[in-house]
Amino acid sequence: VPTAFAVRALAGAYDEFGDEKYLAAARGACRFILRDLNRGEE
């Protein structure tokens, strides 16, 4: 939950300012979701 809201802000900031560090952090959060979170059902 805090990760998703952080990425919502970072994605909006990348759209506004074009700073690649915001997009890089969003990509890191996606790696967290896909590699670290369990899949309670699939």
PDB file of all heavy atoms in Angstrom:
ATOM      1  N   VAL A   1       0.825  -1.210   0.000  1.00  0.00           N
ATOM      2  CA  VAL A   1       0.000   0.000   0.000  1.00  0.00           C
ATOM      3  C   VAL A   1       0.867   1.272   0.000  1.00  0.00           C
ATOM      4  O   VAL A   1       0.691   2.135  -0.876  1.00  0.00           O
ATOM      5  CB  VAL A   1      -1.015  -0.022   1.154  1.00  0.00           C
ATOM      6  CG1 VAL A   1      -1.730   1.315   1.264  1.00  0.00           C
ATOM      7  CG2 VAL A   1      -2.028  -1.142   0.938  1.00  0.00           C
ATOM      8  N   PRO A   2       1.804   1.465   0.949  1.00  0.00           N
ATOM      9  CA  PRO A   2       2.640   2.663   0.848  1.00  0.00           C
ATOM     10  C   PRO A   2       3.480   2.689  -0.428  1.00  0.00           C
ATOM     11  O   PRO A   2       3.735   3.758  -0.991  1.00  0.00           O
ATOM     12  CB  PRO A   2       3.518   2.607   2.101  1.00  0.00           C
ATOM     13  CG  PRO A   2       3.465   1.190   2.561  1.00  0.00           C
ATOM     14  CD  PRO A   2       2.133   0.679   2.155  1.00  0.00           C
ATOM     15  N   THR A   3       3.893   1.510  -0.888  1.00  0.00           N
ATOM     16  CA  THR A   3       4.676   1.453  -2.125  1.00  0.00           C
ATOM     17  C   THR A   3       3.858   1.941  -3.317  1.00  0.00           C
ATOM     18  O   THR A   3       4.339   2.711  -4.157  1.00  0.00           O
ATOM     19  CB  THR A   3       5.177   0.020  -2.368  1.00  0.00           C
ATOM     20  OG1 THR A   3       6.051  -0.360  -1.298  1.00  0.00           O
ATOM     21  CG2 THR A   3       5.922  -0.097  -3.689  1.00  0.00           C
ATOM     22  N   ALA A   4       2.612   1.514  -3.402  1.00  0.00           N
ATOM     23  CA  ALA A   4       1.771   1.901  -4.537  1.00  0.00           C
ATOM     24  C   ALA A   4       1.502   3.396  -4.554  1.00  0.00           C
ATOM     25  O   ALA A   4       1.528   4.035  -5.626  1.00  0.00           O
ATOM     26  CB  ALA A   4       0.454   1.128  -4.493  1.00  0.00           C
ATOM     27  N   PHE A   5       1.249   3.996  -3.389  1.00  0.00           N
ATOM     28  CA  PHE A   5       1.013   5.434  -3.376  1.00  0.00           C
ATOM     29  C   PHE A   5       2.292   6.207  -3.665  1.00  0.00           C
ATOM     30  O   PHE A   5       2.258   7.275  -4.293  1.00  0.00           O
ATOM     31  CB  PHE A   5       0.369   5.864  -2.059  1.00  0.00           C
ATOM     32  CG  PHE A   5      -1.097   5.553  -2.012  1.00  0.00           C
ATOM     33  CD1 PHE A   5      -1.570   4.427  -1.356  1.00  0.00           C
ATOM     34  CD2 PHE A   5      -2.007   6.366  -2.660  1.00  0.00           C
ATOM     35  CE1 PHE A   5      -2.920   4.120  -1.343  1.00  0.00           C
ATOM     36  CE2 PHE A   5      -3.362   6.074  -2.657  1.00  0.00           C
ATOM     37  CZ  PHE A   5      -3.825   4.943  -1.990  1.00  0.00           C
ATOM     38  N   ALA A   6       3.429   5.667  -3.241  1.00  0.00           N
ATOM     39  CA  ALA A   6       4.695   6.292  -3.599  1.00  0.00           C
ATOM     40  C   ALA A   6       4.876   6.300  -5.116  1.00  0.00           C
ATOM     41  O   ALA A   6       5.260   7.315  -5.713  1.00  0.00           O
ATOM     42  CB  ALA A   6       5.852   5.558  -2.921  1.00  0.00           C
ATOM     43  N   VAL A   7       4.570   5.182  -5.751  1.00  0.00           N
ATOM     44  CA  VAL A   7       4.723   5.105  -7.209  1.00  0.00           C
ATOM     45  C   VAL A   7       3.701   5.988  -7.909  1.00  0.00           C
ATOM     46  O   VAL A   7       4.009   6.592  -8.952  1.00  0.00           O
ATOM     47  CB  VAL A   7       4.638   3.648  -7.680  1.00  0.00           C
ATOM     48  CG1 VAL A   7       4.595   3.570  -9.211  1.00  0.00           C
ATOM     49  CG2 VAL A   7       5.821   2.853  -7.153  1.00  0.00           C
ATOM     50  N   ARG A   8       2.499   6.108  -7.365  1.00  0.00           N
ATOM     51  CA  ARG A   8       1.539   7.036  -7.981  1.00  0.00           C
ATOM     52  C   ARG A   8       2.123   8.449  -8.006  1.00  0.00           C
ATOM     53  O   ARG A   8       2.002   9.168  -9.006  1.00  0.00           O
ATOM     54  CB  ARG A   8       0.209   7.020  -7.225  1.00  0.00           C
ATOM     55  CG  ARG A   8      -0.887   7.821  -7.931  1.00  0.00           C
ATOM     56  CD  ARG A   8      -2.185   7.887  -7.145  1.00  0.00           C
ATOM     57  NE  ARG A   8      -2.882   6.610  -7.060  1.00  0.00           N
ATOM     58  CZ  ARG A   8      -4.065   6.435  -6.468  1.00  0.00           C
ATOM     59  NH1 ARG A   8      -4.690   7.485  -5.911  1.00  0.00           N
ATOM     60  NH2 ARG A   8      -4.646   5.248  -6.412  1.00  0.00           N
ATOM     61  N   ALA A   9       2.753   8.840  -6.903  1.00  0.00           N
ATOM     62  CA  ALA A   9       3.381  10.164  -6.856  1.00  0.00           C
ATOM     63  C   ALA A   9       4.580  10.245  -7.790  1.00  0.00           C
ATOM     64  O   ALA A   9       4.763  11.241  -8.506  1.00  0.00           O
ATOM     65  CB  ALA A   9       3.799  10.486  -5.427  1.00  0.00           C
ATOM     66  N   LEU A  10       5.408   9.226  -7.806  1.00  0.00           N
ATOM     67  CA  LEU A  10       6.612   9.239  -8.648  1.00  0.00           C
ATOM     68  C   LEU A  10       6.255   9.227 -10.131  1.00  0.00           C
ATOM     69  O   LEU A  10       6.898   9.911 -10.940  1.00  0.00           O
ATOM     70  CB  LEU A  10       7.495   8.042  -8.306  1.00  0.00           C
ATOM     71  CG  LEU A  10       8.142   8.088  -6.919  1.00  0.00           C
ATOM     72  CD1 LEU A  10       8.671   6.718  -6.532  1.00  0.00           C
ATOM     73  CD2 LEU A  10       9.261   9.121  -6.883  1.00  0.00           C
ATOM     74  N   ALA A  11       5.234   8.454 -10.499  1.00  0.00           N
ATOM     75  CA  ALA A  11       4.811   8.437 -11.900  1.00  0.00           C
ATOM     76  C   ALA A  11       4.280   9.804 -12.313  1.00  0.00           C
ATOM     77  O   ALA A  11       4.574  10.297 -13.420  1.00  0.00           O
ATOM     78  CB  ALA A  11       3.749   7.365 -12.113  1.00  0.00           C
ATOM     79  N   GLY A  12       3.501  10.443 -11.425  1.00  0.00           N
ATOM     80  CA  GLY A  12       3.033  11.791 -11.721  1.00  0.00           C
ATOM     81  C   GLY A  12       4.171  12.782 -11.823  1.00  0.00           C
ATOM     82  O   GLY A  12       4.149  13.689 -12.663  1.00  0.00           O
ATOM     83  N   ALA A  13       5.180  12.617 -10.965  1.00  0.00           N
ATOM     84  CA  ALA A  13       6.335  13.515 -11.006  1.00  0.00           C
ATOM     85  C   ALA A  13       7.146  13.318 -12.277  1.00  0.00           C
ATOM     86  O   ALA A  13       7.636  14.291 -12.872  1.00  0.00           O
ATOM     87  CB  ALA A  13       7.212  13.274  -9.778  1.00  0.00           C
ATOM     88  N   TYR A  14       7.300  12.076 -12.712  1.00  0.00           N
ATOM     89  CA  TYR A  14       8.020  11.836 -13.968  1.00  0.00           C
ATOM     90  C   TYR A  14       7.281  12.474 -15.134  1.00  0.00           C
ATOM     91  O   TYR A  14       7.895  13.078 -16.026  1.00  0.00           O
ATOM     92  CB  TYR A  14       8.177  10.336 -14.195  1.00  0.00           C
ATOM     93  CG  TYR A  14       8.858  10.008 -15.498  1.00  0.00           C
ATOM     94  CD1 TYR A  14      10.226  10.210 -15.666  1.00  0.00           C
ATOM     95  CD2 TYR A  14       8.128   9.523 -16.582  1.00  0.00           C
ATOM     96  CE1 TYR A  14      10.853   9.927 -16.874  1.00  0.00           C
ATOM     97  CE2 TYR A  14       8.739   9.233 -17.786  1.00  0.00           C
ATOM     98  CZ  TYR A  14      10.101   9.441 -17.925  1.00  0.00           C
ATOM     99  OH  TYR A  14      10.718   9.176 -19.130  1.00  0.00           O
ATOM    100  N   ASP A  15       5.971  12.387 -15.115  1.00  0.00           N
ATOM    101  CA  ASP A  15       5.161  13.002 -16.164  1.00  0.00           C
ATOM    102  C   ASP A  15       5.322  14.516 -16.173  1.00  0.00           C
ATOM    103  O   ASP A  15       5.339  15.151 -17.234  1.00  0.00           O
ATOM    104  CB  ASP A  15       3.699  12.621 -15.957  1.00  0.00           C
ATOM    105  CG  ASP A  15       2.837  12.907 -17.170  1.00  0.00           C
ATOM    106  OD1 ASP A  15       3.296  12.674 -18.290  1.00  0.00           O
ATOM    107  OD2 ASP A  15       1.706  13.380 -16.987  1.00  0.00           O
ATOM    108  N   GLU A  16       5.457  15.117 -14.977  1.00  0.00           N
ATOM    109  CA  GLU A  16       5.588  16.571 -14.871  1.00  0.00           C
ATOM    110  C   GLU A  16       7.002  17.063 -15.135  1.00  0.00           C
ATOM    111  O   GLU A  16       7.214  18.059 -15.816  1.00  0.00           O
ATOM    112  CB  GLU A  16       5.141  17.035 -13.483  1.00  0.00           C
ATOM    113  CG  GLU A  16       3.654  16.987 -13.246  1.00  0.00           C
ATOM    114  CD  GLU A  16       2.897  17.924 -14.173  1.00  0.00           C
ATOM    115  OE1 GLU A  16       3.357  19.075 -14.396  1.00  0.00           O
ATOM    116  OE2 GLU A  16       1.846  17.515 -14.687  1.00  0.00           O
ATOM    117  N   PHE A  17       7.986  16.394 -14.543  1.00  0.00           N
ATOM    118  CA  PHE A  17       9.353  16.914 -14.533  1.00  0.00           C
ATOM    119  C   PHE A  17      10.310  16.162 -15.449  1.00  0.00           C
ATOM    120  O   PHE A  17      11.390  16.669 -15.762  1.00  0.00           O
ATOM    121  CB  PHE A  17       9.913  16.880 -13.109  1.00  0.00           C
ATOM    122  CG  PHE A  17       9.054  17.586 -12.094  1.00  0.00           C
ATOM    123  CD1 PHE A  17       8.637  16.945 -10.942  1.00  0.00           C
ATOM    124  CD2 PHE A  17       8.645  18.899 -12.290  1.00  0.00           C
ATOM    125  CE1 PHE A  17       7.850  17.593  -9.996  1.00  0.00           C
ATOM    126  CE2 PHE A  17       7.855  19.555 -11.364  1.00  0.00           C
ATOM    127  CZ  PHE A  17       7.458  18.901 -10.212  1.00  0.00           C
ATOM    128  N   GLY A  18       9.949  14.939 -15.854  1.00  0.00           N
ATOM    129  CA  GLY A  18      10.796  14.168 -16.750  1.00  0.00           C
ATOM    130  C   GLY A  18      12.084  13.668 -16.135  1.00  0.00           C
ATOM    131  O   GLY A  18      13.011  13.301 -16.867  1.00  0.00           O
ATOM    132  N   ASP A  19      12.168  13.611 -14.813  1.00  0.00           N
ATOM    133  CA  ASP A  19      13.396  13.181 -14.144  1.00  0.00           C
ATOM    134  C   ASP A  19      13.432  11.657 -14.090  1.00  0.00           C
ATOM    135  O   ASP A  19      12.550  11.019 -13.502  1.00  0.00           O
ATOM    136  CB  ASP A  19      13.450  13.770 -12.736  1.00  0.00           C
ATOM    137  CG  ASP A  19      14.820  13.645 -12.106  1.00  0.00           C
ATOM    138  OD1 ASP A  19      15.500  12.626 -12.348  1.00  0.00           O
ATOM    139  OD2 ASP A  19      15.225  14.566 -11.370  1.00  0.00           O
ATOM    140  N   GLU A  20      14.472  11.064 -14.669  1.00  0.00           N
ATOM    141  CA  GLU A  20      14.553   9.614 -14.785  1.00  0.00           C
ATOM    142  C   GLU A  20      14.635   8.903 -13.438  1.00  0.00           C
ATOM    143  O   GLU A  20      14.290   7.725 -13.337  1.00  0.00           O
ATOM    144  CB  GLU A  20      15.764   9.233 -15.639  1.00  0.00           C
ATOM    145  CG  GLU A  20      15.601   9.520 -17.121  1.00  0.00           C
ATOM    146  CD  GLU A  20      14.567   8.614 -17.781  1.00  0.00           C
ATOM    147  OE1 GLU A  20      14.364   7.486 -17.281  1.00  0.00           O
ATOM    148  OE2 GLU A  20      13.970   9.024 -18.785  1.00  0.00           O
ATOM    149  N   LYS A  21      15.091   9.598 -12.394  1.00  0.00           N
ATOM    150  CA  LYS A  21      15.203   8.912 -11.097  1.00  0.00           C
ATOM    151  C   LYS A  21      13.831   8.517 -10.566  1.00  0.00           C
ATOM    152  O   LYS A  21      13.708   7.520  -9.841  1.00  0.00           O
ATOM    153  CB  LYS A  21      15.940   9.779 -10.089  1.00  0.00           C
ATOM    154  CG  LYS A  21      15.222  11.052  -9.667  1.00  0.00           C
ATOM    155  CD  LYS A  21      16.109  11.878  -8.742  1.00  0.00           C
ATOM    156  CE  LYS A  21      15.450  13.212  -8.385  1.00  0.00           C
ATOM    157  NZ  LYS A  21      16.363  14.058  -7.575  1.00  0.00           N
ATOM    158  N   TYR A  22      12.807   9.272 -10.922  1.00  0.00           N
ATOM    159  CA  TYR A  22      11.465   8.910 -10.497  1.00  0.00           C
ATOM    160  C   TYR A  22      11.008   7.630 -11.186  1.00  0.00           C
ATOM    161  O   TYR A  22      10.416   6.748 -10.559  1.00  0.00           O
ATOM    162  CB  TYR A  22      10.484  10.043 -10.797  1.00  0.00           C
ATOM    163  CG  TYR A  22      10.802  11.355 -10.124  1.00  0.00           C
ATOM    164  CD1 TYR A  22      10.651  12.559 -10.810  1.00  0.00           C
ATOM    165  CD2 TYR A  22      11.262  11.400  -8.818  1.00  0.00           C
ATOM    166  CE1 TYR A  22      10.933  13.777 -10.197  1.00  0.00           C
ATOM    167  CE2 TYR A  22      11.559  12.609  -8.203  1.00  0.00           C
ATOM    168  CZ  TYR A  22      11.391  13.790  -8.902  1.00  0.00           C
ATOM    169  OH  TYR A  22      11.679  14.995  -8.294  1.00  0.00           O
ATOM    170  N   LEU A  23      11.287   7.524 -12.466  1.00  0.00           N
ATOM    171  CA  LEU A  23      10.904   6.330 -13.208  1.00  0.00           C
ATOM    172  C   LEU A  23      11.713   5.125 -12.754  1.00  0.00           C
ATOM    173  O   LEU A  23      11.187   4.008 -12.659  1.00  0.00           O
ATOM    174  CB  LEU A  23      11.078   6.563 -14.710  1.00  0.00           C
ATOM    175  CG  LEU A  23      10.547   5.472 -15.638  1.00  0.00           C
ATOM    176  CD1 LEU A  23       9.073   5.214 -15.391  1.00  0.00           C
ATOM    177  CD2 LEU A  23      10.792   5.842 -17.097  1.00  0.00           C
ATOM    178  N   ALA A  24      12.990   5.333 -12.448  1.00  0.00           N
ATOM    179  CA  ALA A  24      13.831   4.231 -11.965  1.00  0.00           C
ATOM    180  C   ALA A  24      13.291   3.680 -10.649  1.00  0.00           C
ATOM    181  O   ALA A  24      13.272   2.464 -10.426  1.00  0.00           O
ATOM    182  CB  ALA A  24      15.267   4.709 -11.797  1.00  0.00           C
ATOM    183  N   ALA A  25      12.840   4.561  -9.766  1.00  0.00           N
ATOM    184  CA  ALA A  25      12.273   4.107  -8.498  1.00  0.00           C
ATOM    185  C   ALA A  25      10.979   3.338  -8.726  1.00  0.00           C
ATOM    186  O   ALA A  25      10.697   2.343  -8.038  1.00  0.00           O
ATOM    187  CB  ALA A  25      12.026   5.301  -7.579  1.00  0.00           C
ATOM    188  N   ALA A  26      10.172   3.777  -9.683  1.00  0.00           N
ATOM    189  CA  ALA A  26       8.937   3.052 -10.001  1.00  0.00           C
ATOM    190  C   ALA A  26       9.248   1.662 -10.541  1.00  0.00           C
ATOM    191  O   ALA A  26       8.566   0.680 -10.186  1.00  0.00           O
ATOM    192  CB  ALA A  26       8.110   3.850 -11.009  1.00  0.00           C
ATOM    193  N   ARG A  27      10.262   1.545 -11.371  1.00  0.00           N
ATOM    194  CA  ARG A  27      10.655   0.218 -11.881  1.00  0.00           C
ATOM    195  C   ARG A  27      11.123  -0.682 -10.739  1.00  0.00           C
ATOM    196  O   ARG A  27      10.832  -1.881 -10.713  1.00  0.00           O
ATOM    197  CB  ARG A  27      11.754   0.360 -12.928  1.00  0.00           C
ATOM    198  CG  ARG A  27      11.278   0.937 -14.263  1.00  0.00           C
ATOM    199  CD  ARG A  27      12.290   0.671 -15.367  1.00  0.00           C
ATOM    200  NE  ARG A  27      13.557   1.328 -15.081  1.00  0.00           N
ATOM    201  CZ  ARG A  27      13.919   2.530 -15.551  1.00  0.00           C
ATOM    202  NH1 ARG A  27      13.075   3.208 -16.326  1.00  0.00           N
ATOM    203  NH2 ARG A  27      15.083   3.055 -15.261  1.00  0.00           N
ATOM    204  N   GLY A  28      11.856  -0.097  -9.779  1.00  0.00           N
ATOM    205  CA  GLY A  28      12.283  -0.883  -8.623  1.00  0.00           C
ATOM    206  C   GLY A  28      11.109  -1.398  -7.824  1.00  0.00           C
ATOM    207  O   GLY A  28      11.118  -2.527  -7.322  1.00  0.00           O
ATOM    208  N   ALA A  29      10.058  -0.590  -7.695  1.00  0.00           N
ATOM    209  CA  ALA A  29       8.862  -1.023  -6.982  1.00  0.00           C
ATOM    210  C   ALA A  29       8.179  -2.173  -7.714  1.00  0.00           C
ATOM    211  O   ALA A  29       7.635  -3.093  -7.075  1.00  0.00           O
ATOM    212  CB  ALA A  29       7.908   0.151  -6.818  1.00  0.00           C
ATOM    213  N   CYS A  30       8.193  -2.153  -9.030  1.00  0.00           N
ATOM    214  CA  CYS A  30       7.612  -3.259  -9.797  1.00  0.00           C
ATOM    215  C   CYS A  30       8.395  -4.550  -9.570  1.00  0.00           C
ATOM    216  O   CYS A  30       7.797  -5.636  -9.476  1.00  0.00           O
ATOM    217  CB  CYS A  30       7.575  -2.911 -11.285  1.00  0.00           C
ATOM    218  SG  CYS A  30       6.411  -1.598 -11.696  1.00  0.00           S
ATOM    219  N   ARG A  31       9.716  -4.446  -9.468  1.00  0.00           N
ATOM    220  CA  ARG A  31      10.504  -5.639  -9.150  1.00  0.00           C
ATOM    221  C   ARG A  31      10.124  -6.181  -7.774  1.00  0.00           C
ATOM    222  O   ARG A  31      10.041  -7.398  -7.568  1.00  0.00           O
ATOM    223  CB  ARG A  31      12.000  -5.320  -9.214  1.00  0.00           C
ATOM    224  CG  ARG A  31      12.520  -5.076 -10.625  1.00  0.00           C
ATOM    225  CD  ARG A  31      14.030  -5.073 -10.677  1.00  0.00           C
ATOM    226  NE  ARG A  31      14.601  -3.938  -9.960  1.00  0.00           N
ATOM    227  CZ  ARG A  31      14.813  -2.735 -10.505  1.00  0.00           C
ATOM    228  NH1 ARG A  31      14.476  -2.526 -11.773  1.00  0.00           N
ATOM    229  NH2 ARG A  31      15.354  -1.763  -9.804  1.00  0.00           N
ATOM    230  N   PHE A  32       9.889  -5.278  -6.825  1.00  0.00           N
ATOM    231  CA  PHE A  32       9.445  -5.699  -5.498  1.00  0.00           C
ATOM    232  C   PHE A  32       8.130  -6.465  -5.590  1.00  0.00           C
ATOM    233  O   PHE A  32       7.966  -7.526  -4.975  1.00  0.00           O
ATOM    234  CB  PHE A  32       9.284  -4.463  -4.607  1.00  0.00           C
ATOM    235  CG  PHE A  32       8.429  -4.678  -3.396  1.00  0.00           C
ATOM    236  CD1 PHE A  32       8.864  -5.462  -2.342  1.00  0.00           C
ATOM    237  CD2 PHE A  32       7.168  -4.086  -3.302  1.00  0.00           C
ATOM    238  CE1 PHE A  32       8.065  -5.668  -1.223  1.00  0.00           C
ATOM    239  CE2 PHE A  32       6.369  -4.276  -2.192  1.00  0.00           C
ATOM    240  CZ  PHE A  32       6.818  -5.074  -1.145  1.00  0.00           C
ATOM    241  N   ILE A  33       7.184  -5.957  -6.349  1.00  0.00           N
ATOM    242  CA  ILE A  33       5.887  -6.620  -6.474  1.00  0.00           C
ATOM    243  C   ILE A  33       6.040  -8.006  -7.096  1.00  0.00           C
ATOM    244  O   ILE A  33       5.507  -9.003  -6.588  1.00  0.00           O
ATOM    245  CB  ILE A  33       4.929  -5.756  -7.316  1.00  0.00           C
ATOM    246  CG1 ILE A  33       4.568  -4.469  -6.567  1.00  0.00           C
ATOM    247  CG2 ILE A  33       3.662  -6.537  -7.671  1.00  0.00           C
ATOM    248  CD1 ILE A  33       3.856  -3.449  -7.429  1.00  0.00           C
ATOM    249  N   LEU A  34       6.781  -8.088  -8.189  1.00  0.00           N
ATOM    250  CA  LEU A  34       6.851  -9.329  -8.959  1.00  0.00           C
ATOM    251  C   LEU A  34       7.763 -10.367  -8.327  1.00  0.00           C
ATOM    252  O   LEU A  34       7.544 -11.579  -8.496  1.00  0.00           O
ATOM    253  CB  LEU A  34       7.308  -9.025 -10.387  1.00  0.00           C
ATOM    254  CG  LEU A  34       6.346  -8.159 -11.212  1.00  0.00           C
ATOM    255  CD1 LEU A  34       6.957  -7.801 -12.557  1.00  0.00           C
ATOM    256  CD2 LEU A  34       5.014  -8.870 -11.409  1.00  0.00           C
ATOM    257  N   ARG A  35       8.782  -9.933  -7.577  1.00  0.00           N
ATOM    258  CA  ARG A  35       9.764 -10.880  -7.037  1.00  0.00           C
ATOM    259  C   ARG A  35       9.610 -11.136  -5.541  1.00  0.00           C
ATOM    260  O   ARG A  35       9.931 -12.235  -5.069  1.00  0.00           O
ATOM    261  CB  ARG A  35      11.185 -10.370  -7.311  1.00  0.00           C
ATOM    262  CG  ARG A  35      11.512 -10.212  -8.774  1.00  0.00           C
ATOM    263  CD  ARG A  35      12.925  -9.690  -8.945  1.00  0.00           C
ATOM    264  NE  ARG A  35      13.214  -9.354 -10.331  1.00  0.00           N
ATOM    265  CZ  ARG A  35      14.371  -8.845 -10.754  1.00  0.00           C
ATOM    266  NH1 ARG A  35      15.348  -8.611  -9.882  1.00  0.00           N
ATOM    267  NH2 ARG A  35      14.555  -8.567 -12.025  1.00  0.00           N
ATOM    268  N   ASP A  36       9.158 -10.152  -4.806  1.00  0.00           N
ATOM    269  CA  ASP A  36       9.157 -10.277  -3.349  1.00  0.00           C
ATOM    270  C   ASP A  36       7.799 -10.609  -2.759  1.00  0.00           C
ATOM    271  O   ASP A  36       7.716 -11.275  -1.719  1.00  0.00           O
ATOM    272  CB  ASP A  36       9.651  -8.973  -2.704  1.00  0.00           C
ATOM    273  CG  ASP A  36      11.121  -8.707  -2.993  1.00  0.00           C
ATOM    274  OD1 ASP A  36      11.811  -9.656  -3.379  1.00  0.00           O
ATOM    275  OD2 ASP A  36      11.557  -7.563  -2.828  1.00  0.00           O
ATOM    276  N   LEU A  37       6.736 -10.107  -3.348  1.00  0.00           N
ATOM    277  CA  LEU A  37       5.416 -10.374  -2.792  1.00  0.00           C
ATOM    278  C   LEU A  37       4.985 -11.801  -3.101  1.00  0.00           C
ATOM    279  O   LEU A  37       5.279 -12.341  -4.178  1.00  0.00           O
ATOM    280  CB  LEU A  37       4.389  -9.392  -3.353  1.00  0.00           C
ATOM    281  CG  LEU A  37       4.534  -7.940  -2.898  1.00  0.00           C
ATOM    282  CD1 LEU A  37       3.428  -7.080  -3.519  1.00  0.00           C
ATOM    283  CD2 LEU A  37       4.507  -7.813  -1.376  1.00  0.00           C
ATOM    284  N   ASN A  38       4.291 -12.396  -2.142  1.00  0.00           N
ATOM    285  CA  ASN A  38       3.733 -13.726  -2.364  1.00  0.00           C
ATOM    286  C   ASN A  38       2.489 -13.628  -3.243  1.00  0.00           C
ATOM    287  O   ASN A  38       1.903 -12.556  -3.397  1.00  0.00           O
ATOM    288  CB  ASN A  38       3.375 -14.369  -1.023  1.00  0.00           C
ATOM    289  CG  ASN A  38       4.587 -14.560  -0.145  1.00  0.00           C
ATOM    290  OD1 ASN A  38       5.608 -15.102  -0.586  1.00  0.00           O
ATOM    291  ND2 ASN A  38       4.508 -14.105   1.098  1.00  0.00           N
ATOM    292  N   ARG A  39       2.120 -14.743  -3.784  1.00  0.00           N
ATOM    293  CA  ARG A  39       0.910 -14.816  -4.606  1.00  0.00           C
ATOM    294  C   ARG A  39      -0.094 -15.677  -3.865  1.00  0.00           C
ATOM    295  O   ARG A  39      -0.016 -16.908  -3.894  1.00  0.00           O
ATOM    296  CB  ARG A  39       1.242 -15.349  -5.990  1.00  0.00           C
ATOM    297  CG  ARG A  39       2.282 -14.452  -6.663  1.00  0.00           C
ATOM    298  CD  ARG A  39       2.601 -14.796  -8.077  1.00  0.00           C
ATOM    299  NE  ARG A  39       3.599 -13.830  -8.575  1.00  0.00           N
ATOM    300  CZ  ARG A  39       3.708 -13.457  -9.839  1.00  0.00           C
ATOM    301  NH1 ARG A  39       2.871 -13.950 -10.737  1.00  0.00           N
ATOM    302  NH2 ARG A  39       4.626 -12.594 -10.199  1.00  0.00           N
ATOM    303  N   GLY A  40      -0.990 -14.988  -3.162  1.00  0.00           N
ATOM    304  CA  GLY A  40      -1.946 -15.701  -2.329  1.00  0.00           C
ATOM    305  C   GLY A  40      -2.855 -16.606  -3.119  1.00  0.00           C
ATOM    306  O   GLY A  40      -3.372 -17.590  -2.595  1.00  0.00           O
ATOM    307  N   GLU A  41      -3.017 -16.281  -4.378  1.00  0.00           N
ATOM    308  CA  GLU A  41      -3.831 -17.097  -5.273  1.00  0.00           C
ATOM    309  C   GLU A  41      -3.395 -16.765  -6.694  1.00  0.00           C
ATOM    310  O   GLU A  41      -3.107 -15.609  -7.017  1.00  0.00           O
ATOM    311  CB  GLU A  41      -5.316 -16.807  -5.060  1.00  0.00           C
ATOM    312  CG  GLU A  41      -6.245 -17.888  -5.574  1.00  0.00           C
ATOM    313  CD  GLU A  41      -7.672 -17.728  -5.066  1.00  0.00           C
ATOM    314  OE1 GLU A  41      -7.872 -17.018  -4.069  1.00  0.00           O
ATOM    315  OE2 GLU A  41      -8.573 -18.311  -5.692  1.00  0.00           O
ATOM    316  N   GLU A  42      -3.359 -17.767  -7.555  1.00  0.00           N
ATOM    317  CA  GLU A  42      -2.927 -17.527  -8.935  1.00  0.00           C
ATOM    318  C   GLU A  42      -3.470 -18.616  -9.843  1.00  0.00           C
ATOM    319  O   GLU A  42      -3.544 -19.785  -9.471  1.00  0.00           O
ATOM    320  CB  GLU A  42      -1.395 -17.489  -9.015  1.00  0.00           C
ATOM    321  CG  GLU A  42      -0.864 -17.114 -10.386  1.00  0.00           C
ATOM    322  CD  GLU A  42       0.633 -16.869 -10.392  1.00  0.00           C
ATOM    323  OE1 GLU A  42       1.319 -17.342  -9.461  1.00  0.00           O
ATOM    324  OE2 GLU A  42       1.112 -16.202 -11.329  1.00  0.00           O
TER     325      GLU A  42
END
